[in-house]
């Protein structure tokens, strides 16, 4: 199958390689001409045979919207756009409506697998009409992990459902990572456990907390046993916030995911104003000791 792919960054580049290894004809475009197959999106579209399929893999927000607008003016009725970035699900309705004005189909796909996807495959969550999803199934089958399709791919529902599913997936990811991180810190703070990396590695098989995320933590600790080369600063790319917003909108209690998101905010404060206030209050009502800023 032939496919146009816009965005050849950390994931898009590897996706192109996995698709090509499966025998698909991929024409990729990226602003970085060192990795691009063509000089422009227009040239990419020209090289595709109608009816065309174009996969977008660029940062969410305005970059994705701009790409959709450009494709709306280049593609034809019957073509299909697949949006595989981490867009907010509410953007999908807007994108689909814009493309539909020219008879262009739209499918949103949440993609999980990170930089390891080229080797291990990607978990895929699709949203859109069943006919459009089925049309792209050879592409999805090439990208997903080996094994039963239902263990690496889902048609989650109508347009927007793919990104909604990926949003919740990433919210869960926040909570899992935070739990592992807190466990690591507690082990490191104890004077009882003398081999922290070995302890965590011993959880890799047989225990109920084993997972791929745990395997990645083991790998990181093998490279840097005390994580001394890293700062405790963590960004969030949006999905965690959106998951908490949806929990509020639907009155669904999500204390673990919410706490994990707030922990990331705390990581960006070198000297927390809130904790300064707590220290001041403890000193005021109980005479508890405080540390001055010069300390």
C-alpha atoms as a PDB file:
ATOM      1  CA  UNK A   1       0.000   0.000   0.000  1.00  0.00           C
ATOM      2  CA  UNK A   2       1.134   3.549  -0.715  1.00  0.00           C
ATOM      3  CA  UNK A   3       1.187   6.178   2.017  1.00  0.00           C
ATOM      4  CA  UNK A   4       2.226   9.777   2.453  1.00  0.00           C
ATOM      5  CA  UNK A   5       3.726  10.563   5.866  1.00  0.00           C
ATOM      6  CA  UNK A   6       4.068  14.132   7.133  1.00  0.00           C
ATOM      7  CA  UNK A   7       6.470  14.426  10.062  1.00  0.00           C
ATOM      8  CA  UNK A   8       9.632  12.341  10.358  1.00  0.00           C
ATOM      9  CA  UNK A   9      10.630  13.088  13.921  1.00  0.00           C
ATOM     10  CA  UNK A  10      11.426  10.575  16.650  1.00  0.00           C
ATOM     11  CA  UNK A  11       8.313   8.489  15.990  1.00  0.00           C
ATOM     12  CA  UNK A  12       7.468   9.357  12.391  1.00  0.00           C
ATOM     13  CA  UNK A  13      10.918   8.396  11.134  1.00  0.00           C
ATOM     14  CA  UNK A  14      10.729   4.980  12.808  1.00  0.00           C
ATOM     15  CA  UNK A  15       7.186   4.454  11.579  1.00  0.00           C
ATOM     16  CA  UNK A  16       8.355   5.048   8.010  1.00  0.00           C
ATOM     17  CA  UNK A  17      11.096   2.451   8.451  1.00  0.00           C
ATOM     18  CA  UNK A  18       8.711  -0.143   9.928  1.00  0.00           C
ATOM     19  CA  UNK A  19       6.187   0.391   7.142  1.00  0.00           C
ATOM     20  CA  UNK A  20       8.831   0.084   4.466  1.00  0.00           C
ATOM     21  CA  UNK A  21      10.160  -3.102   6.057  1.00  0.00           C
ATOM     22  CA  UNK A  22       6.623  -4.497   5.732  1.00  0.00           C
ATOM     23  CA  UNK A  23       6.608  -3.742   1.996  1.00  0.00           C
ATOM     24  CA  UNK A  24       4.622  -0.493   1.944  1.00  0.00           C
ATOM     25  CA  UNK A  25       5.551   2.426  -0.308  1.00  0.00           C
ATOM     26  CA  UNK A  26       6.025   5.454   1.964  1.00  0.00           C
ATOM     27  CA  UNK A  27       6.659   8.979   0.694  1.00  0.00           C
ATOM     28  CA  UNK A  28       7.737  11.027   3.691  1.00  0.00           C
ATOM     29  CA  UNK A  29       7.938  14.782   4.153  1.00  0.00           C
ATOM     30  CA  UNK A  30       9.675  16.686   6.926  1.00  0.00           C
ATOM     31  CA  UNK A  31      10.925  20.245   7.256  1.00  0.00           C
ATOM     32  CA  UNK A  32      14.315  18.673   7.934  1.00  0.00           C
ATOM     33  CA  UNK A  33      15.356  17.918   4.380  1.00  0.00           C
ATOM     34  CA  UNK A  34      18.079  15.570   5.571  1.00  0.00           C
ATOM     35  CA  UNK A  35      15.411  12.963   6.335  1.00  0.00           C
ATOM     36  CA  UNK A  36      12.678  14.032   3.881  1.00  0.00           C
ATOM     37  CA  UNK A  37      11.894  12.205   0.651  1.00  0.00           C
ATOM     38  CA  UNK A  38      10.422  15.301  -0.981  1.00  0.00           C
ATOM     39  CA  UNK A  39      10.846  19.067  -0.783  1.00  0.00           C
ATOM     40  CA  UNK A  40       7.254  19.914   0.153  1.00  0.00           C
ATOM     41  CA  UNK A  41       3.887  18.495   1.148  1.00  0.00           C
ATOM     42  CA  UNK A  42       2.625  19.427  -2.312  1.00  0.00           C
ATOM     43  CA  UNK A  43       5.342  17.316  -3.925  1.00  0.00           C
ATOM     44  CA  UNK A  44       4.489  14.439  -1.600  1.00  0.00           C
ATOM     45  CA  UNK A  45       0.829  14.572  -2.669  1.00  0.00           C
ATOM     46  CA  UNK A  46       1.859  14.645  -6.345  1.00  0.00           C
ATOM     47  CA  UNK A  47       3.802  11.408  -5.903  1.00  0.00           C
ATOM     48  CA  UNK A  48       0.815   9.560  -4.425  1.00  0.00           C
ATOM     49  CA  UNK A  49      -1.684   7.662  -6.548  1.00  0.00           C
ATOM     50  CA  UNK A  50      -5.361   8.447  -6.031  1.00  0.00           C
ATOM     51  CA  UNK A  51      -7.207   7.654  -3.883  1.00  0.00           C
ATOM     52  CA  UNK A  52      -4.486   8.802  -1.492  1.00  0.00           C
ATOM     53  CA  UNK A  53      -3.793   8.128   2.178  1.00  0.00           C
ATOM     54  CA  UNK A  54      -1.736  10.669   4.142  1.00  0.00           C
ATOM     55  CA  UNK A  55      -0.658  10.138   7.750  1.00  0.00           C
ATOM     56  CA  UNK A  56       0.126  13.249   9.838  1.00  0.00           C
ATOM     57  CA  UNK A  57       2.715  12.822  12.592  1.00  0.00           C
ATOM     58  CA  UNK A  58       3.561  16.356  13.761  1.00  0.00           C
ATOM     59  CA  UNK A  59       3.235  18.125  17.161  1.00  0.00           C
ATOM     60  CA  UNK A  60      -0.340  18.656  18.333  1.00  0.00           C
ATOM     61  CA  UNK A  61      -2.062  22.006  18.262  1.00  0.00           C
ATOM     62  CA  UNK A  62      -1.362  24.583  15.575  1.00  0.00           C
ATOM     63  CA  UNK A  63       1.271  22.511  13.690  1.00  0.00           C
ATOM     64  CA  UNK A  64      -1.295  19.747  13.160  1.00  0.00           C
ATOM     65  CA  UNK A  65      -4.096  22.166  12.300  1.00  0.00           C
ATOM     66  CA  UNK A  66      -1.887  23.957   9.771  1.00  0.00           C
ATOM     67  CA  UNK A  67      -0.974  20.645   8.153  1.00  0.00           C
ATOM     68  CA  UNK A  68      -4.639  19.656   7.912  1.00  0.00           C
ATOM     69  CA  UNK A  69      -5.484  23.008   6.314  1.00  0.00           C
ATOM     70  CA  UNK A  70      -2.713  22.574   3.760  1.00  0.00           C
ATOM     71  CA  UNK A  71      -3.794  19.037   2.900  1.00  0.00           C
ATOM     72  CA  UNK A  72      -7.409  20.189   2.545  1.00  0.00           C
ATOM     73  CA  UNK A  73      -6.275  22.325  -0.384  1.00  0.00           C
ATOM     74  CA  UNK A  74      -4.122  19.624  -1.980  1.00  0.00           C
ATOM     75  CA  UNK A  75      -6.078  16.383  -1.645  1.00  0.00           C
ATOM     76  CA  UNK A  76      -9.206  15.295  -3.494  1.00  0.00           C
ATOM     77  CA  UNK A  77     -12.562  13.738  -2.677  1.00  0.00           C
ATOM     78  CA  UNK A  78     -12.114  10.147  -1.597  1.00  0.00           C
ATOM     79  CA  UNK A  79      -8.636  10.679  -0.134  1.00  0.00           C
ATOM     80  CA  UNK A  80      -8.015   9.811   3.517  1.00  0.00           C
ATOM     81  CA  UNK A  81      -6.110  11.726   6.202  1.00  0.00           C
ATOM     82  CA  UNK A  82      -4.929   9.861   9.305  1.00  0.00           C
ATOM     83  CA  UNK A  83      -3.939  12.072  12.230  1.00  0.00           C
ATOM     84  CA  UNK A  84      -1.559  10.125  14.459  1.00  0.00           C
ATOM     85  CA  UNK A  85      -0.140  12.800  16.768  1.00  0.00           C
ATOM     86  CA  UNK A  86      -1.140  13.468  20.360  1.00  0.00           C
ATOM     87  CA  UNK A  87      -3.917  15.917  19.498  1.00  0.00           C
ATOM     88  CA  UNK A  88      -6.721  16.726  21.899  1.00  0.00           C
ATOM     89  CA  UNK A  89      -9.772  14.742  20.842  1.00  0.00           C
ATOM     90  CA  UNK A  90     -11.859  17.890  20.449  1.00  0.00           C
ATOM     91  CA  UNK A  91      -9.574  19.019  17.612  1.00  0.00           C
ATOM     92  CA  UNK A  92     -10.553  15.959  15.597  1.00  0.00           C
ATOM     93  CA  UNK A  93     -14.120  17.142  14.971  1.00  0.00           C
ATOM     94  CA  UNK A  94     -12.773  20.431  13.613  1.00  0.00           C
ATOM     95  CA  UNK A  95     -10.227  18.666  11.390  1.00  0.00           C
ATOM     96  CA  UNK A  96     -12.763  16.166  10.083  1.00  0.00           C
ATOM     97  CA  UNK A  97     -15.301  18.896   9.295  1.00  0.00           C
ATOM     98  CA  UNK A  98     -12.737  20.947   7.378  1.00  0.00           C
ATOM     99  CA  UNK A  99     -11.663  18.003   5.249  1.00  0.00           C
ATOM    100  CA  UNK A 100     -15.234  16.822   4.706  1.00  0.00           C
ATOM    101  CA  UNK A 101     -15.971  20.085   2.857  1.00  0.00           C
ATOM    102  CA  UNK A 102     -13.839  18.644   0.039  1.00  0.00           C
ATOM    103  CA  UNK A 103     -15.011  15.054   0.443  1.00  0.00           C
ATOM    104  CA  UNK A 104     -11.793  14.013   2.207  1.00  0.00           C
ATOM    105  CA  UNK A 105     -12.080  11.301   4.889  1.00  0.00           C
ATOM    106  CA  UNK A 106     -10.515  11.508   8.342  1.00  0.00           C
ATOM    107  CA  UNK A 107      -9.354   8.999  10.962  1.00  0.00           C
ATOM    108  CA  UNK A 108      -7.637   9.869  14.242  1.00  0.00           C
ATOM    109  CA  UNK A 109      -5.191   7.388  15.739  1.00  0.00           C
ATOM    110  CA  UNK A 110      -3.585   7.409  19.155  1.00  0.00           C
ATOM    111  CA  UNK A 111      -0.116   5.885  18.834  1.00  0.00           C
ATOM    112  CA  UNK A 112       1.868   4.427  21.726  1.00  0.00           C
ATOM    113  CA  UNK A 113       5.310   2.854  21.568  1.00  0.00           C
ATOM    114  CA  UNK A 114       7.757   5.735  21.638  1.00  0.00           C
ATOM    115  CA  UNK A 115      11.220   5.312  20.187  1.00  0.00           C
ATOM    116  CA  UNK A 116      10.982   1.519  20.591  1.00  0.00           C
ATOM    117  CA  UNK A 117       8.053   1.198  18.203  1.00  0.00           C
ATOM    118  CA  UNK A 118      10.164   0.495  15.128  1.00  0.00           C
ATOM    119  CA  UNK A 119      11.321  -2.766  16.715  1.00  0.00           C
ATOM    120  CA  UNK A 120       8.424  -3.715  18.994  1.00  0.00           C
ATOM    121  CA  UNK A 121       5.470  -2.237  17.107  1.00  0.00           C
ATOM    122  CA  UNK A 122       2.997   0.448  18.146  1.00  0.00           C
ATOM    123  CA  UNK A 123      -0.189   0.227  20.141  1.00  0.00           C
ATOM    124  CA  UNK A 124      -2.893   1.863  17.996  1.00  0.00           C
ATOM    125  CA  UNK A 125      -6.286   3.332  18.949  1.00  0.00           C
ATOM    126  CA  UNK A 126      -8.362   4.493  15.962  1.00  0.00           C
ATOM    127  CA  UNK A 127     -11.393   6.754  15.727  1.00  0.00           C
ATOM    128  CA  UNK A 128     -13.519   7.203  12.607  1.00  0.00           C
ATOM    129  CA  UNK A 129     -15.992   5.524  10.299  1.00  0.00           C
ATOM    130  CA  UNK A 130     -15.610   1.756  10.096  1.00  0.00           C
ATOM    131  CA  UNK A 131     -15.151   1.879   6.314  1.00  0.00           C
ATOM    132  CA  UNK A 132     -12.286   4.373   6.578  1.00  0.00           C
ATOM    133  CA  UNK A 133     -10.583   2.432   9.373  1.00  0.00           C
ATOM    134  CA  UNK A 134     -10.848  -0.815   7.408  1.00  0.00           C
ATOM    135  CA  UNK A 135      -9.355   0.851   4.341  1.00  0.00           C
ATOM    136  CA  UNK A 136      -6.196   1.666   6.286  1.00  0.00           C
ATOM    137  CA  UNK A 137      -5.996  -1.703   8.056  1.00  0.00           C
ATOM    138  CA  UNK A 138      -2.939  -2.939   6.097  1.00  0.00           C
ATOM    139  CA  UNK A 139      -1.054   0.080   7.455  1.00  0.00           C
ATOM    140  CA  UNK A 140      -2.290  -0.492  10.991  1.00  0.00           C
ATOM    141  CA  UNK A 141      -1.368  -4.180  10.801  1.00  0.00           C
ATOM    142  CA  UNK A 142       2.164  -3.300   9.705  1.00  0.00           C
ATOM    143  CA  UNK A 143       2.631  -0.827  12.559  1.00  0.00           C
ATOM    144  CA  UNK A 144       1.071  -2.774  15.442  1.00  0.00           C
ATOM    145  CA  UNK A 145       2.983  -5.442  17.397  1.00  0.00           C
ATOM    146  CA  UNK A 146       2.995  -9.036  16.208  1.00  0.00           C
ATOM    147  CA  UNK A 147       0.256 -11.225  17.607  1.00  0.00           C
ATOM    148  CA  UNK A 148      -3.530 -10.958  17.765  1.00  0.00           C
ATOM    149  CA  UNK A 149      -4.758  -7.685  16.263  1.00  0.00           C
ATOM    150  CA  UNK A 150      -7.013  -6.966  19.235  1.00  0.00           C
ATOM    151  CA  UNK A 151      -3.971  -6.918  21.550  1.00  0.00           C
ATOM    152  CA  UNK A 152      -2.343  -4.021  19.716  1.00  0.00           C
ATOM    153  CA  UNK A 153      -5.123  -2.289  17.801  1.00  0.00           C
ATOM    154  CA  UNK A 154      -8.641  -1.080  18.509  1.00  0.00           C
ATOM    155  CA  UNK A 155     -11.263   0.789  16.535  1.00  0.00           C
ATOM    156  CA  UNK A 156     -12.318   2.711  19.624  1.00  0.00           C
ATOM    157  CA  UNK A 157     -15.311   4.544  18.141  1.00  0.00           C
ATOM    158  CA  UNK A 158     -16.177   7.522  15.907  1.00  0.00           C
ATOM    159  CA  UNK A 159     -13.912  10.452  15.070  1.00  0.00           C
ATOM    160  CA  UNK A 160     -12.166  11.607  18.242  1.00  0.00           C
ATOM    161  CA  UNK A 161     -12.330   8.244  20.006  1.00  0.00           C
ATOM    162  CA  UNK A 162      -8.770   7.293  19.087  1.00  0.00           C
ATOM    163  CA  UNK A 163      -7.248  10.371  20.649  1.00  0.00           C
ATOM    164  CA  UNK A 164      -9.593  10.153  23.633  1.00  0.00           C
ATOM    165  CA  UNK A 165      -8.413   6.586  24.281  1.00  0.00           C
ATOM    166  CA  UNK A 166      -4.776   7.666  23.926  1.00  0.00           C
ATOM    167  CA  UNK A 167      -5.388  10.578  26.321  1.00  0.00           C
ATOM    168  CA  UNK A 168      -6.649   8.198  29.024  1.00  0.00           C
ATOM    169  CA  UNK A 169      -3.789   5.795  28.243  1.00  0.00           C
ATOM    170  CA  UNK A 170      -1.274   8.566  28.878  1.00  0.00           C
ATOM    171  CA  UNK A 171      -3.037   9.616  32.066  1.00  0.00           C
ATOM    172  CA  UNK A 172      -2.634   6.060  33.345  1.00  0.00           C
ATOM    173  CA  UNK A 173       0.998   6.198  32.261  1.00  0.00           C
ATOM    174  CA  UNK A 174       1.496   9.273  34.453  1.00  0.00           C
ATOM    175  CA  UNK A 175       0.215   7.394  37.481  1.00  0.00           C
ATOM    176  CA  UNK A 176       2.290   4.268  36.831  1.00  0.00           C
ATOM    177  CA  UNK A 177       5.500   6.238  36.348  1.00  0.00           C
ATOM    178  CA  UNK A 178       4.877   8.259  39.503  1.00  0.00           C
ATOM    179  CA  UNK A 179       4.346   5.099  41.572  1.00  0.00           C
ATOM    180  CA  UNK A 180       7.597   3.566  40.329  1.00  0.00           C
ATOM    181  CA  UNK A 181       9.405   6.861  40.943  1.00  0.00           C
ATOM    182  CA  UNK A 182       8.148   7.152  44.514  1.00  0.00           C
ATOM    183  CA  UNK A 183       9.113   3.553  45.202  1.00  0.00           C
ATOM    184  CA  UNK A 184      12.616   4.231  43.885  1.00  0.00           C
ATOM    185  CA  UNK A 185      12.976   7.300  46.099  1.00  0.00           C
ATOM    186  CA  UNK A 186      11.802   5.426  49.183  1.00  0.00           C
ATOM    187  CA  UNK A 187      14.252   2.590  48.572  1.00  0.00           C
ATOM    188  CA  UNK A 188      17.072   5.079  48.010  1.00  0.00           C
ATOM    189  CA  UNK A 189      16.225   6.973  51.206  1.00  0.00           C
ATOM    190  CA  UNK A 190      16.302   3.828  53.354  1.00  0.00           C
ATOM    191  CA  UNK A 191      19.430   2.588  55.089  1.00  0.00           C
ATOM    192  CA  UNK A 192      17.999  -0.938  55.080  1.00  0.00           C
ATOM    193  CA  UNK A 193      18.160  -1.693  51.345  1.00  0.00           C
ATOM    194  CA  UNK A 194      21.730  -1.519  50.083  1.00  0.00           C
ATOM    195  CA  UNK A 195      21.133  -2.526  46.429  1.00  0.00           C
ATOM    196  CA  UNK A 196      18.363  -0.351  45.040  1.00  0.00           C
ATOM    197  CA  UNK A 197      18.909  -1.071  41.292  1.00  0.00           C
ATOM    198  CA  UNK A 198      19.115  -4.805  42.038  1.00  0.00           C
ATOM    199  CA  UNK A 199      15.915  -4.701  44.054  1.00  0.00           C
ATOM    200  CA  UNK A 200      13.996  -3.024  41.267  1.00  0.00           C
ATOM    201  CA  UNK A 201      15.459  -5.401  38.685  1.00  0.00           C
ATOM    202  CA  UNK A 202      14.325  -8.352  40.824  1.00  0.00           C
ATOM    203  CA  UNK A 203      10.735  -7.160  40.328  1.00  0.00           C
ATOM    204  CA  UNK A 204      11.051  -7.718  36.558  1.00  0.00           C
ATOM    205  CA  UNK A 205       9.804 -11.297  36.606  1.00  0.00           C
ATOM    206  CA  UNK A 206       7.153 -13.018  38.644  1.00  0.00           C
ATOM    207  CA  UNK A 207       5.924 -10.001  40.596  1.00  0.00           C
ATOM    208  CA  UNK A 208       2.588  -8.269  40.157  1.00  0.00           C
ATOM    209  CA  UNK A 209       4.271  -4.912  39.439  1.00  0.00           C
ATOM    210  CA  UNK A 210       6.314  -6.117  36.443  1.00  0.00           C
ATOM    211  CA  UNK A 211       5.787  -4.095  33.252  1.00  0.00           C
ATOM    212  CA  UNK A 212       7.581  -2.555  30.292  1.00  0.00           C
ATOM    213  CA  UNK A 213       7.834   0.721  32.217  1.00  0.00           C
ATOM    214  CA  UNK A 214       9.577  -1.132  35.036  1.00  0.00           C
ATOM    215  CA  UNK A 215      11.953  -2.670  32.488  1.00  0.00           C
ATOM    216  CA  UNK A 216      12.789   0.820  31.247  1.00  0.00           C
ATOM    217  CA  UNK A 217      13.474   1.990  34.816  1.00  0.00           C
ATOM    218  CA  UNK A 218      15.811  -0.979  35.281  1.00  0.00           C
ATOM    219  CA  UNK A 219      17.594   0.012  32.074  1.00  0.00           C
ATOM    220  CA  UNK A 220      17.962   3.610  33.241  1.00  0.00           C
ATOM    221  CA  UNK A 221      19.386   2.493  36.604  1.00  0.00           C
ATOM    222  CA  UNK A 222      21.879   0.199  34.895  1.00  0.00           C
ATOM    223  CA  UNK A 223      23.159   3.221  32.985  1.00  0.00           C
ATOM    224  CA  UNK A 224      23.120   5.560  36.009  1.00  0.00           C
ATOM    225  CA  UNK A 225      22.496   3.673  39.317  1.00  0.00           C
ATOM    226  CA  UNK A 226      21.659   6.793  41.348  1.00  0.00           C
ATOM    227  CA  UNK A 227      20.289   8.853  38.414  1.00  0.00           C
ATOM    228  CA  UNK A 228      22.914  11.463  39.245  1.00  0.00           C
ATOM    229  CA  UNK A 229      23.154  12.610  35.621  1.00  0.00           C
ATOM    230  CA  UNK A 230      19.536  13.804  35.573  1.00  0.00           C
ATOM    231  CA  UNK A 231      17.678  16.762  37.022  1.00  0.00           C
ATOM    232  CA  UNK A 232      14.370  16.049  38.728  1.00  0.00           C
ATOM    233  CA  UNK A 233      12.521  18.208  36.197  1.00  0.00           C
ATOM    234  CA  UNK A 234       9.613  16.698  34.261  1.00  0.00           C
ATOM    235  CA  UNK A 235       7.498  18.282  31.538  1.00  0.00           C
ATOM    236  CA  UNK A 236       3.967  17.271  30.626  1.00  0.00           C
ATOM    237  CA  UNK A 237       2.903  17.186  26.995  1.00  0.00           C
ATOM    238  CA  UNK A 238      -0.812  17.826  27.527  1.00  0.00           C
ATOM    239  CA  UNK A 239      -2.513  14.462  27.764  1.00  0.00           C
ATOM    240  CA  UNK A 240      -2.286  14.292  31.554  1.00  0.00           C
ATOM    241  CA  UNK A 241      -3.964  17.677  31.912  1.00  0.00           C
ATOM    242  CA  UNK A 242      -6.686  16.713  29.447  1.00  0.00           C
ATOM    243  CA  UNK A 243      -7.318  13.450  31.308  1.00  0.00           C
ATOM    244  CA  UNK A 244      -7.803  15.329  34.582  1.00  0.00           C
ATOM    245  CA  UNK A 245     -10.105  17.837  32.833  1.00  0.00           C
ATOM    246  CA  UNK A 246     -12.220  14.977  31.483  1.00  0.00           C
ATOM    247  CA  UNK A 247     -12.342  13.355  34.916  1.00  0.00           C
ATOM    248  CA  UNK A 248     -13.715  16.615  36.305  1.00  0.00           C
ATOM    249  CA  UNK A 249     -16.186  17.029  33.431  1.00  0.00           C
ATOM    250  CA  UNK A 250     -17.507  13.495  33.954  1.00  0.00           C
ATOM    251  CA  UNK A 251     -17.357  13.524  37.789  1.00  0.00           C
ATOM    252  CA  UNK A 252     -14.963  10.573  37.735  1.00  0.00           C
ATOM    253  CA  UNK A 253     -12.569  10.481  40.714  1.00  0.00           C
ATOM    254  CA  UNK A 254      -8.991  10.213  39.432  1.00  0.00           C
ATOM    255  CA  UNK A 255      -6.794  10.997  42.450  1.00  0.00           C
ATOM    256  CA  UNK A 256      -3.749   8.997  41.300  1.00  0.00           C
ATOM    257  CA  UNK A 257      -3.545  10.545  37.835  1.00  0.00           C
ATOM    258  CA  UNK A 258      -4.225  14.011  39.253  1.00  0.00           C
ATOM    259  CA  UNK A 259      -1.523  13.644  41.904  1.00  0.00           C
ATOM    260  CA  UNK A 260       0.947  12.416  39.285  1.00  0.00           C
ATOM    261  CA  UNK A 261       0.257  15.485  37.155  1.00  0.00           C
ATOM    262  CA  UNK A 262       0.696  17.835  40.105  1.00  0.00           C
ATOM    263  CA  UNK A 263       3.960  16.068  41.016  1.00  0.00           C
ATOM    264  CA  UNK A 264       5.284  17.081  37.606  1.00  0.00           C
ATOM    265  CA  UNK A 265       4.371  20.676  38.333  1.00  0.00           C
ATOM    266  CA  UNK A 266       6.225  20.453  41.651  1.00  0.00           C
ATOM    267  CA  UNK A 267       9.330  19.186  39.849  1.00  0.00           C
ATOM    268  CA  UNK A 268       9.676  22.544  38.105  1.00  0.00           C
ATOM    269  CA  UNK A 269       9.912  24.585  41.289  1.00  0.00           C
ATOM    270  CA  UNK A 270      13.393  25.061  42.664  1.00  0.00           C
ATOM    271  CA  UNK A 271      11.971  26.624  45.832  1.00  0.00           C
ATOM    272  CA  UNK A 272       8.211  26.099  46.187  1.00  0.00           C
ATOM    273  CA  UNK A 273       6.281  29.220  47.290  1.00  0.00           C
ATOM    274  CA  UNK A 274       3.584  26.962  48.728  1.00  0.00           C
ATOM    275  CA  UNK A 275       6.055  25.063  50.878  1.00  0.00           C
ATOM    276  CA  UNK A 276       7.515  28.366  52.039  1.00  0.00           C
ATOM    277  CA  UNK A 277       4.039  29.248  53.270  1.00  0.00           C
ATOM    278  CA  UNK A 278       3.717  25.868  55.028  1.00  0.00           C
ATOM    279  CA  UNK A 279       7.077  26.391  56.732  1.00  0.00           C
ATOM    280  CA  UNK A 280       6.050  29.891  57.817  1.00  0.00           C
ATOM    281  CA  UNK A 281       2.751  28.635  59.253  1.00  0.00           C
ATOM    282  CA  UNK A 282       4.420  25.812  61.201  1.00  0.00           C
ATOM    283  CA  UNK A 283       6.837  28.358  62.646  1.00  0.00           C
ATOM    284  CA  UNK A 284       4.034  30.777  63.548  1.00  0.00           C
ATOM    285  CA  UNK A 285       1.693  28.393  65.345  1.00  0.00           C
ATOM    286  CA  UNK A 286       4.168  25.936  66.793  1.00  0.00           C
ATOM    287  CA  UNK A 287       7.528  27.634  66.825  1.00  0.00           C
ATOM    288  CA  UNK A 288       8.882  24.918  64.554  1.00  0.00           C
ATOM    289  CA  UNK A 289      12.342  25.495  63.115  1.00  0.00           C
ATOM    290  CA  UNK A 290      12.652  26.992  59.652  1.00  0.00           C
ATOM    291  CA  UNK A 291      15.545  27.198  57.207  1.00  0.00           C
ATOM    292  CA  UNK A 292      16.426  30.667  55.974  1.00  0.00           C
ATOM    293  CA  UNK A 293      16.938  31.134  52.235  1.00  0.00           C
ATOM    294  CA  UNK A 294      20.679  31.645  52.676  1.00  0.00           C
ATOM    295  CA  UNK A 295      20.866  28.223  54.349  1.00  0.00           C
END
